[in-house]
């Protein structure tokens, strides 16, 4: 089984990056590699919270 690295859409990742205040880092040369693993973890947590809210509706 291959590794799926596109579990979140680019649009969702960018929206969450803006919400967490790291969007400027993403737009610099190097893109997502500029974002710390701690911040990436926060992004995953935020994505899960968004998914849970949509399910509750």
C-alpha atoms as a PDB file:
ATOM      1  CA  UNK A   1       0.000   0.000   0.000  1.00  0.00           C
ATOM      2  CA  UNK A   2       1.398   3.415  -0.973  1.00  0.00           C
ATOM      3  CA  UNK A   3       1.713   6.378   1.300  1.00  0.00           C
ATOM      4  CA  UNK A   4      -1.040   8.972   0.687  1.00  0.00           C
ATOM      5  CA  UNK A   5       0.373  12.412   1.403  1.00  0.00           C
ATOM      6  CA  UNK A   6      -2.674  14.368   0.191  1.00  0.00           C
ATOM      7  CA  UNK A   7      -5.153  13.716   2.970  1.00  0.00           C
ATOM      8  CA  UNK A   8      -6.015  17.430   3.234  1.00  0.00           C
ATOM      9  CA  UNK A   9      -6.691  19.661   0.261  1.00  0.00           C
ATOM     10  CA  UNK A  10      -4.288  22.531  -0.386  1.00  0.00           C
ATOM     11  CA  UNK A  11      -7.138  24.968   0.211  1.00  0.00           C
ATOM     12  CA  UNK A  12      -7.866  23.507   3.659  1.00  0.00           C
ATOM     13  CA  UNK A  13      -4.172  23.461   4.576  1.00  0.00           C
ATOM     14  CA  UNK A  14      -3.815  27.103   3.531  1.00  0.00           C
ATOM     15  CA  UNK A  15      -6.933  28.132   5.478  1.00  0.00           C
ATOM     16  CA  UNK A  16      -5.656  26.423   8.621  1.00  0.00           C
ATOM     17  CA  UNK A  17      -2.178  27.926   8.139  1.00  0.00           C
ATOM     18  CA  UNK A  18      -3.787  31.369   7.968  1.00  0.00           C
ATOM     19  CA  UNK A  19      -5.799  30.622  11.120  1.00  0.00           C
ATOM     20  CA  UNK A  20      -2.625  29.564  12.959  1.00  0.00           C
ATOM     21  CA  UNK A  21      -0.646  32.532  11.644  1.00  0.00           C
ATOM     22  CA  UNK A  22       1.935  30.569   9.644  1.00  0.00           C
ATOM     23  CA  UNK A  23       0.699  31.241   6.117  1.00  0.00           C
ATOM     24  CA  UNK A  24       3.587  33.652   5.434  1.00  0.00           C
ATOM     25  CA  UNK A  25       6.029  30.836   6.182  1.00  0.00           C
ATOM     26  CA  UNK A  26       4.263  28.600   3.662  1.00  0.00           C
ATOM     27  CA  UNK A  27       4.510  31.247   0.940  1.00  0.00           C
ATOM     28  CA  UNK A  28       8.289  31.651   1.368  1.00  0.00           C
ATOM     29  CA  UNK A  29      10.654  29.591  -0.802  1.00  0.00           C
ATOM     30  CA  UNK A  30      10.615  26.084   0.622  1.00  0.00           C
ATOM     31  CA  UNK A  31       6.855  26.113   1.184  1.00  0.00           C
ATOM     32  CA  UNK A  32       5.570  23.628   3.734  1.00  0.00           C
ATOM     33  CA  UNK A  33       9.093  22.612   4.758  1.00  0.00           C
ATOM     34  CA  UNK A  34       9.286  25.988   6.560  1.00  0.00           C
ATOM     35  CA  UNK A  35       6.504  24.926   8.939  1.00  0.00           C
ATOM     36  CA  UNK A  36       7.602  23.172  12.143  1.00  0.00           C
ATOM     37  CA  UNK A  37       6.407  19.684  12.966  1.00  0.00           C
ATOM     38  CA  UNK A  38       4.740  21.084  16.097  1.00  0.00           C
ATOM     39  CA  UNK A  39       2.710  23.481  13.943  1.00  0.00           C
ATOM     40  CA  UNK A  40       1.871  20.669  11.524  1.00  0.00           C
ATOM     41  CA  UNK A  41       0.501  18.737  14.501  1.00  0.00           C
ATOM     42  CA  UNK A  42      -1.648  21.730  15.411  1.00  0.00           C
ATOM     43  CA  UNK A  43      -2.877  21.817  11.814  1.00  0.00           C
ATOM     44  CA  UNK A  44      -3.931  18.162  12.005  1.00  0.00           C
ATOM     45  CA  UNK A  45      -5.707  18.813  15.310  1.00  0.00           C
ATOM     46  CA  UNK A  46      -7.527  21.790  13.772  1.00  0.00           C
ATOM     47  CA  UNK A  47      -8.513  19.714  10.713  1.00  0.00           C
ATOM     48  CA  UNK A  48      -9.954  17.021  12.981  1.00  0.00           C
ATOM     49  CA  UNK A  49     -11.915  19.642  14.931  1.00  0.00           C
ATOM     50  CA  UNK A  50     -13.316  21.038  11.660  1.00  0.00           C
ATOM     51  CA  UNK A  51     -14.312  17.531  10.524  1.00  0.00           C
ATOM     52  CA  UNK A  52     -15.992  16.823  13.862  1.00  0.00           C
ATOM     53  CA  UNK A  53     -17.968  20.072  13.669  1.00  0.00           C
ATOM     54  CA  UNK A  54     -19.198  19.202  10.176  1.00  0.00           C
ATOM     55  CA  UNK A  55     -20.304  15.737  11.320  1.00  0.00           C
ATOM     56  CA  UNK A  56     -22.201  17.199  14.276  1.00  0.00           C
ATOM     57  CA  UNK A  57     -24.290  19.373  11.966  1.00  0.00           C
END
